[in-house]
Each structure stands twice: as structure tokens, then as C-alpha cells.
Amino acid sequence: MTAARPQAPSPAPQRTDDAYKTWLGHTYACARCRNGAAECPEARRLGRAWRAS
């Protein structure tokens, strides 16, 4: 009989997920982002932060 292997702890949520959710929430709530006619500087900043994480 073999001993049961202990399971590894599940990984903690990554910063990438948090940054993505922040960017996504902004683009959902921002009229400028939803319109798509003009580029939103806040969405640009959040998008860069997401890609950098």
C-alpha cells in the first residue's frame, strides 16, 4: 500500500488577473470606451498595466 501524496496548494490569484479585471471593468463602465469613437487615456493606462504584469 502506498501513502497518499499530499496535494499542492492551489496557486494564489495572479496580479495579471486583477489588472485584467480592472481594465475590463473600466471598459464596460466608461462611455468613451463603449462608444469606440475616441481613445480613452484611462483604458490605455490600465491596458499597459495589465500587459506589464
Protein backbone atom coordinates (compact mmCIF):
# COMPACT_ATOMS: atom_id res chain seq x y z
CA MET A 1 0.00 0.00 0.00
CA THR A 2 1.39 3.39 -0.93
CA ALA A 3 0.95 6.56 1.06
CA ALA A 4 -1.28 9.22 -0.39
CA ARG A 5 0.58 12.11 -1.92
CA PRO A 6 -0.18 15.48 -0.38
CA GLN A 7 -1.78 17.85 -2.83
CA ALA A 8 -0.05 21.07 -3.70
CA PRO A 9 -1.85 24.20 -2.58
CA SER A 10 -3.80 25.94 -5.30
CA PRO A 11 -1.99 28.92 -6.76
CA ALA A 12 -2.90 32.35 -5.45
CA PRO A 13 -4.71 34.66 -7.86
CA GLN A 14 -2.20 36.42 -10.03
CA ARG A 15 -1.81 40.14 -10.41
CA THR A 16 -2.43 39.68 -14.11
CA ASP A 17 -5.99 38.58 -13.39
CA ASP A 18 -6.61 41.59 -11.13
CA ALA A 19 -5.18 44.02 -13.69
CA TYR A 20 -7.28 42.45 -16.45
CA LYS A 21 -10.45 42.66 -14.37
CA THR A 22 -9.75 46.33 -13.59
CA TRP A 23 -9.24 47.11 -17.28
CA LEU A 24 -12.32 45.13 -18.28
CA GLY A 25 -14.47 46.82 -15.63
CA HIS A 26 -13.35 50.22 -16.82
CA THR A 27 -14.07 49.50 -20.47
CA TYR A 28 -17.52 48.23 -19.51
CA ALA A 29 -18.41 51.31 -17.46
CA CYS A 30 -16.70 54.05 -19.49
CA ALA A 31 -18.91 55.71 -22.12
CA ARG A 32 -15.87 56.71 -24.14
CA CYS A 33 -14.63 53.11 -24.29
CA ARG A 34 -18.05 51.73 -25.17
CA ASN A 35 -18.50 54.30 -27.93
CA GLY A 36 -15.20 53.40 -29.53
CA ALA A 37 -15.02 56.72 -31.40
CA ALA A 38 -12.30 58.25 -29.22
CA GLU A 39 -9.41 56.59 -27.46
CA CYS A 40 -9.69 56.64 -23.69
CA PRO A 41 -6.43 57.53 -21.91
CA GLU A 42 -7.52 55.67 -18.77
CA ALA A 43 -8.13 52.47 -20.74
CA ARG A 44 -4.74 52.89 -22.38
CA ARG A 45 -3.05 53.23 -18.97
CA LEU A 46 -4.92 50.24 -17.49
CA GLY A 47 -4.19 48.14 -20.57
CA ARG A 48 -0.49 48.85 -20.30
CA ALA A 49 -0.51 47.97 -16.60
CA TRP A 50 -2.24 44.69 -17.42
CA ARG A 51 0.28 43.76 -20.12
CA ALA A 52 3.21 44.72 -17.88
CA SER A 53 2.06 42.49 -15.01
